[in-house]
Amino acid sequence: MAALWNLLAYSVGGLIASPQIMRTLHYYPKSIRSKTTSSDKQRIGSIPAFRLFKSMFLPGLRDQADGVFYPEATLYIGIVGVVAAFFSHSWHHWLLWVVSFLMAMGRRTPLFGWLSPLMMRVPARWCYFASLSLAFMAVSGLSQLTDYRLMNVLILIQSLDLCLNTSSLWPMEPYTQRWERPSRVFSKPYLSLFQEPWRVSGLPFPMRTGYVNHIRTLGYTGGGQLTAMAGFRHDENPDGSGLHDWFQSENSQGEANWFGVRWAITQRPLLFPWKPTPFSHVYENNSVSKNVPSWKDLEDQCGPGSIH
């Protein structure tokens, strides 16, 4: 009966996720990920087994693990939780944990290489599945207790552990800027400047791609970007450059004009044809083109499989 309920739960989860899965399958052949090799995917983020085991018990690690930051290579769910997980009778969560653990090791085991055609990201991303399976196993392990007072004490200790230690797992400074309240971010006064069809360079996180505010930007420049976008930017990094600032790449002023980059948010003091706006660190391009190409235009010109 338990296996039937588990199957039903996974089926419902798959049904809920199916719209995103279908869109991903449609998009994937157009992205730079479809051209990456097994070696590309394992270039960084193959976490040693000892490092994975250590991360299960030590929340305060600050070291980089094979090129990825510590929050991307941790299995910490709390000391009580990880101990309780080893008392779990849930075989499918044990299976998920073992597979995820081996996959997170990347090139250090043959498993990731065998399945690499199905993988989109670096091996370290499997730490998310490993820690999630540990969390479910922890619940299963704690449920074996018959002394409810002891269970309540353990859950209280677990809660305090997470409250005191999980903040150290957040990828904040010096790696990323600390997030602001959405209500404040999405009401910045300079947003009133940005109008279609022109594009904005350097839009700060979390507005980078402009989707929420319907602002045209440089588009998504990460590891799943369109091949046509990467071709236009001369971005041959298999993981994506992630550069949302026009001036961090080698693109010329002429390309910026043609591509329609009319505004730039940057700490750089920009010169002609850029001019300051009433807003600090926001500049306007005086020589921008009036006919701004769409990403569909770029895809038609560059071809869905070309990076040049």
Protein backbone atom coordinates (compact mmCIF):
# COMPACT_ATOMS: atom_id res chain seq x y z
CA MET A 1 0.00 0.00 0.00
CA ALA A 2 2.85 2.40 0.84
CA ALA A 3 4.42 1.80 -2.58
CA LEU A 4 1.09 2.61 -4.23
CA TRP A 5 0.81 5.90 -2.35
CA ASN A 6 4.38 6.77 -3.31
CA LEU A 7 3.66 6.05 -6.96
CA LEU A 8 0.53 8.20 -6.78
CA ALA A 9 2.51 11.06 -5.16
CA TYR A 10 5.21 10.95 -7.86
CA SER A 11 2.53 10.83 -10.57
CA VAL A 12 0.79 13.91 -9.18
CA GLY A 13 4.16 15.68 -8.92
CA GLY A 14 4.94 14.78 -12.53
CA LEU A 15 1.55 16.07 -13.65
CA ILE A 16 2.09 19.39 -11.84
CA ALA A 17 5.56 19.73 -13.39
CA SER A 18 4.50 18.64 -16.90
CA PRO A 19 3.87 22.17 -18.32
CA GLN A 20 7.42 23.23 -17.39
CA ILE A 21 8.85 19.93 -18.63
CA MET A 22 7.15 20.30 -22.02
CA ARG A 23 8.37 23.88 -22.44
CA THR A 24 11.89 22.83 -21.47
CA LEU A 25 11.90 20.01 -24.03
CA HIS A 26 10.78 22.50 -26.68
CA TYR A 27 13.42 25.06 -25.70
CA TYR A 28 16.38 22.78 -25.04
CA PRO A 29 17.38 22.11 -28.70
CA LYS A 30 17.70 25.88 -29.24
CA SER A 31 19.94 26.46 -26.22
CA ILE A 32 23.71 26.21 -25.89
CA ARG A 33 23.16 23.30 -23.50
CA SER A 34 22.18 21.06 -26.42
CA LYS A 35 25.72 21.36 -27.81
CA THR A 36 27.66 20.73 -24.60
CA THR A 37 29.66 17.51 -24.28
CA SER A 38 30.11 15.27 -21.28
CA SER A 39 33.50 16.90 -20.66
CA ASP A 40 31.90 20.38 -20.76
CA LYS A 41 29.31 19.39 -18.16
CA GLN A 42 31.94 17.88 -15.85
CA ARG A 43 34.47 20.68 -16.27
CA ILE A 44 33.51 22.05 -12.84
CA GLY A 45 31.35 20.87 -9.97
CA SER A 46 32.51 17.25 -9.52
CA ILE A 47 32.40 17.09 -5.72
CA PRO A 48 34.69 14.59 -3.91
CA ALA A 49 32.88 12.00 -1.77
CA PHE A 50 34.65 13.12 1.43
CA ARG A 51 33.61 16.72 0.77
CA LEU A 52 29.99 15.63 0.35
CA PHE A 53 30.02 13.61 3.58
CA LYS A 54 31.68 16.50 5.42
CA SER A 55 29.02 18.92 4.20
CA MET A 56 26.32 16.73 5.76
CA PHE A 57 27.66 17.49 9.25
CA LEU A 58 29.40 20.87 8.94
CA PRO A 59 27.27 23.88 7.93
CA GLY A 60 30.10 26.39 8.21
CA LEU A 61 32.21 25.31 5.20
CA ARG A 62 33.41 28.25 3.11
CA ASP A 63 35.66 26.52 0.60
CA GLN A 64 35.07 26.30 -3.12
CA ALA A 65 34.48 22.73 -4.27
CA ASP A 66 35.84 22.05 -7.74
CA GLY A 67 34.98 25.51 -9.01
CA VAL A 68 31.54 25.97 -7.41
CA PHE A 69 30.67 27.97 -4.30
CA TYR A 70 29.96 26.19 -1.02
CA PRO A 71 26.14 26.66 -1.08
CA GLU A 72 26.08 24.65 -4.32
CA ALA A 73 27.95 21.71 -2.79
CA THR A 74 26.30 21.11 0.58
CA LEU A 75 24.02 18.38 1.90
CA TYR A 76 23.43 19.98 5.30
CA ILE A 77 19.89 19.54 6.63
CA GLY A 78 20.67 19.78 10.36
CA ILE A 79 22.48 17.35 12.66
CA VAL A 80 19.30 15.80 14.10
CA GLY A 81 17.88 15.50 10.60
CA VAL A 82 20.88 13.78 9.07
CA VAL A 83 21.13 11.29 11.99
CA ALA A 84 17.40 10.55 11.77
CA ALA A 85 17.73 10.02 8.01
CA PHE A 86 19.83 6.90 8.57
CA PHE A 87 16.91 5.29 10.43
CA SER A 88 14.57 5.73 7.46
CA HIS A 89 12.89 2.65 5.98
CA SER A 90 12.01 4.51 2.78
CA TRP A 91 13.93 2.51 0.17
CA HIS A 92 13.07 4.86 -2.74
CA HIS A 93 14.47 7.86 -0.87
CA TRP A 94 17.59 5.84 -0.06
CA LEU A 95 17.88 5.01 -3.76
CA LEU A 96 17.46 8.66 -4.74
CA TRP A 97 20.09 9.69 -2.19
CA VAL A 98 22.65 7.14 -3.39
CA VAL A 99 22.10 7.99 -7.07
CA SER A 100 22.20 11.75 -6.38
CA PHE A 101 25.34 11.37 -4.25
CA LEU A 102 27.13 9.49 -7.04
CA MET A 103 25.89 11.91 -9.71
CA ALA A 104 27.17 14.88 -7.67
CA MET A 105 30.64 13.32 -7.82
CA GLY A 106 30.63 13.86 -11.58
CA ARG A 107 33.83 12.78 -13.32
CA ARG A 108 34.98 11.04 -10.11
CA THR A 109 32.58 8.18 -10.92
CA PRO A 110 31.48 6.82 -14.32
CA LEU A 111 27.75 7.27 -13.58
CA PHE A 112 27.45 10.93 -14.58
CA GLY A 113 29.40 10.28 -17.79
CA TRP A 114 27.07 7.43 -18.75
CA LEU A 115 24.00 9.62 -18.24
CA SER A 116 25.49 12.93 -19.42
CA PRO A 117 23.26 13.17 -22.56
CA LEU A 118 20.31 13.53 -20.14
CA MET A 119 22.06 16.13 -17.96
CA MET A 120 21.78 19.89 -18.51
CA ARG A 121 23.95 21.28 -15.72
CA VAL A 122 27.10 20.58 -13.72
CA PRO A 123 27.23 17.53 -11.39
CA ALA A 124 27.06 19.67 -8.23
CA ARG A 125 23.40 20.44 -9.02
CA TRP A 126 22.63 16.90 -7.87
CA CYS A 127 23.40 18.06 -4.32
CA TYR A 128 19.91 19.60 -4.36
CA PHE A 129 18.33 16.19 -4.95
CA ALA A 130 20.62 14.51 -2.42
CA SER A 131 19.75 17.02 0.32
CA LEU A 132 16.04 16.86 -0.56
CA SER A 133 16.06 13.06 -0.28
CA LEU A 134 17.87 13.39 3.07
CA ALA A 135 15.13 15.71 4.30
CA PHE A 136 12.41 13.20 3.40
CA MET A 137 14.45 10.43 5.00
CA ALA A 138 14.78 12.53 8.16
CA VAL A 139 11.00 12.81 8.42
CA SER A 140 10.68 9.07 7.84
CA GLY A 141 13.34 8.33 10.46
CA LEU A 142 11.78 10.57 13.10
CA SER A 143 8.39 8.97 12.49
CA GLN A 144 9.84 5.69 13.83
CA LEU A 145 9.87 7.19 17.33
CA THR A 146 7.02 6.21 19.65
CA ASP A 147 8.00 8.63 22.42
CA TYR A 148 6.30 11.85 21.23
CA ARG A 149 7.89 13.99 23.94
CA LEU A 150 11.33 12.95 22.72
CA MET A 151 10.25 13.61 19.15
CA ASN A 152 9.12 17.13 20.07
CA VAL A 153 12.47 17.84 21.76
CA LEU A 154 14.40 16.59 18.74
CA ILE A 155 12.28 18.66 16.36
CA LEU A 156 12.89 21.74 18.53
CA ILE A 157 16.66 21.11 18.43
CA GLN A 158 16.46 20.58 14.68
CA SER A 159 14.57 23.85 14.23
CA LEU A 160 17.09 25.81 16.29
CA ASP A 161 19.92 24.22 14.32
CA LEU A 162 18.41 25.33 11.00
CA CYS A 163 17.61 28.83 12.29
CA LEU A 164 21.17 29.34 13.51
CA ASN A 165 23.07 27.71 10.68
CA THR A 166 21.23 27.92 7.37
CA SER A 167 22.01 31.63 6.94
CA SER A 168 25.63 30.58 6.41
CA LEU A 169 24.49 28.59 3.37
CA TRP A 170 23.04 31.60 1.55
CA PRO A 171 25.16 32.74 -1.43
CA MET A 172 25.40 36.34 -0.29
CA GLU A 173 28.40 38.68 -0.28
CA PRO A 174 30.99 38.59 -1.68
CA TYR A 175 29.35 36.34 -4.29
CA THR A 176 26.09 38.17 -4.96
CA GLN A 177 24.38 41.33 -3.81
CA ARG A 178 21.95 41.02 -0.94
CA TRP A 179 18.39 40.96 -2.19
CA GLU A 180 15.93 43.78 -1.57
CA ARG A 181 12.21 43.60 -1.03
CA PRO A 182 10.43 43.00 -4.37
CA SER A 183 8.14 45.98 -3.75
CA ARG A 184 11.22 48.20 -3.54
CA VAL A 185 13.12 46.62 -6.44
CA PHE A 186 10.22 46.76 -8.87
CA SER A 187 9.40 50.39 -8.11
CA LYS A 188 12.79 51.98 -8.80
CA PRO A 189 12.21 55.49 -10.25
CA TYR A 190 14.55 54.94 -13.22
CA LEU A 191 12.34 52.10 -14.51
CA SER A 192 10.04 54.75 -16.02
CA LEU A 193 12.79 55.54 -18.56
CA PHE A 194 12.90 52.12 -20.16
CA GLN A 195 10.51 51.80 -23.08
CA GLU A 196 10.22 49.39 -25.98
CA PRO A 197 11.68 48.66 -28.45
CA TRP A 198 15.04 49.64 -26.94
CA ARG A 199 17.11 47.51 -24.59
CA VAL A 200 18.73 48.05 -21.18
CA SER A 201 22.21 46.90 -20.12
CA GLY A 202 23.11 46.15 -16.51
CA LEU A 203 19.60 45.86 -15.07
CA PRO A 204 20.30 44.76 -11.46
CA PHE A 205 19.28 41.48 -9.87
CA PRO A 206 16.53 40.24 -9.59
CA MET A 207 15.27 42.17 -12.64
CA ARG A 208 18.15 41.11 -14.91
CA THR A 209 16.12 39.57 -17.72
CA GLY A 210 13.36 42.18 -17.49
CA TYR A 211 10.55 39.62 -17.63
CA VAL A 212 8.61 40.82 -14.59
CA ASN A 213 8.59 44.49 -15.64
CA HIS A 214 8.29 43.78 -19.39
CA ILE A 215 11.59 45.57 -20.07
CA ARG A 216 13.74 44.56 -23.03
CA THR A 217 17.25 43.71 -21.86
CA LEU A 218 20.25 41.81 -23.22
CA GLY A 219 18.21 38.71 -22.54
CA TYR A 220 19.28 35.69 -20.56
CA THR A 221 23.06 35.22 -20.74
CA GLY A 222 23.51 32.19 -18.50
CA GLY A 223 24.14 28.53 -19.21
CA GLY A 224 20.83 27.87 -20.93
CA GLN A 225 20.76 30.89 -23.23
CA LEU A 226 19.65 30.65 -26.85
CA THR A 227 22.39 29.62 -29.26
CA ALA A 228 21.50 32.66 -31.38
CA MET A 229 22.06 34.97 -28.39
CA ALA A 230 25.42 33.34 -27.67
CA GLY A 231 26.33 33.66 -31.35
CA PHE A 232 25.60 37.36 -31.39
CA ARG A 233 27.63 37.93 -28.22
CA HIS A 234 30.53 35.71 -29.41
CA ASP A 235 30.04 33.77 -26.17
CA GLU A 236 31.72 30.38 -26.51
CA ASN A 237 31.62 29.53 -22.79
CA PRO A 238 29.66 26.23 -22.53
CA ASP A 239 28.34 27.40 -19.14
CA GLY A 240 27.33 30.83 -20.45
CA SER A 241 29.06 34.08 -19.63
CA GLY A 242 26.30 35.39 -17.37
CA LEU A 243 27.22 38.95 -18.37
CA HIS A 244 24.16 41.19 -18.15
CA ASP A 245 26.33 44.27 -18.63
CA TRP A 246 27.18 45.17 -22.24
CA PHE A 247 30.54 46.65 -21.22
CA GLN A 248 31.78 43.42 -19.62
CA SER A 249 32.03 41.80 -23.05
CA GLU A 250 33.96 42.68 -26.21
CA ASN A 251 30.93 43.92 -28.13
CA SER A 252 31.49 47.24 -29.89
CA GLN A 253 29.57 50.51 -29.72
CA GLY A 254 28.35 49.87 -33.26
CA GLU A 255 26.83 46.55 -32.19
CA ALA A 256 25.25 48.25 -29.17
CA ASN A 257 23.66 50.82 -31.49
CA TRP A 258 22.37 48.20 -33.92
CA PHE A 259 21.14 45.94 -31.11
CA GLY A 260 19.21 48.81 -29.58
CA VAL A 261 21.05 49.23 -26.25
CA ARG A 262 19.73 52.67 -25.39
CA TRP A 263 20.22 52.66 -21.60
CA ALA A 264 23.01 51.36 -19.37
CA ILE A 265 23.11 51.00 -15.59
CA THR A 266 26.79 50.93 -14.69
CA GLN A 267 29.41 52.28 -12.30
CA ARG A 268 31.61 53.15 -15.31
CA PRO A 269 31.73 56.85 -16.34
CA LEU A 270 30.48 56.46 -19.93
CA LEU A 271 31.50 58.98 -22.61
CA PHE A 272 29.93 60.13 -25.91
CA PRO A 273 27.59 58.98 -27.40
CA TRP A 274 26.37 58.16 -23.88
CA LYS A 275 24.97 60.91 -21.69
CA PRO A 276 23.99 60.95 -18.00
CA THR A 277 20.32 60.81 -17.04
CA PRO A 278 18.69 62.39 -13.96
CA PHE A 279 19.31 59.07 -12.20
CA SER A 280 22.69 58.16 -10.72
CA HIS A 281 24.73 55.66 -12.76
CA VAL A 282 22.08 55.46 -15.49
CA TYR A 283 23.19 56.55 -19.00
CA GLU A 284 21.39 57.03 -22.31
CA ASN A 285 22.82 56.21 -25.75
CA ASN A 286 22.37 59.06 -28.28
CA SER A 287 23.23 57.01 -31.38
CA VAL A 288 21.00 53.97 -30.87
CA SER A 289 19.21 52.42 -33.84
CA LYS A 290 15.47 52.88 -34.27
CA ASN A 291 15.05 49.40 -35.79
CA VAL A 292 15.85 47.01 -32.96
CA PRO A 293 16.15 43.32 -33.97
CA SER A 294 14.23 40.73 -32.00
CA TRP A 295 15.74 37.47 -30.76
CA LYS A 296 13.80 35.76 -33.56
CA ASP A 297 15.64 37.99 -36.06
CA LEU A 298 18.96 37.01 -34.48
CA GLU A 299 18.07 33.33 -34.57
CA ASP A 300 17.22 33.60 -38.26
CA GLN A 301 20.53 35.34 -38.98
CA CYS A 302 22.82 33.28 -36.75
CA GLY A 303 21.11 29.94 -37.15
CA PRO A 304 19.92 27.82 -34.20
CA GLY A 305 23.16 25.82 -34.06
CA SER A 306 25.87 28.39 -34.68
CA ILE A 307 28.20 30.15 -32.28
CA HIS A 308 30.54 32.46 -34.17
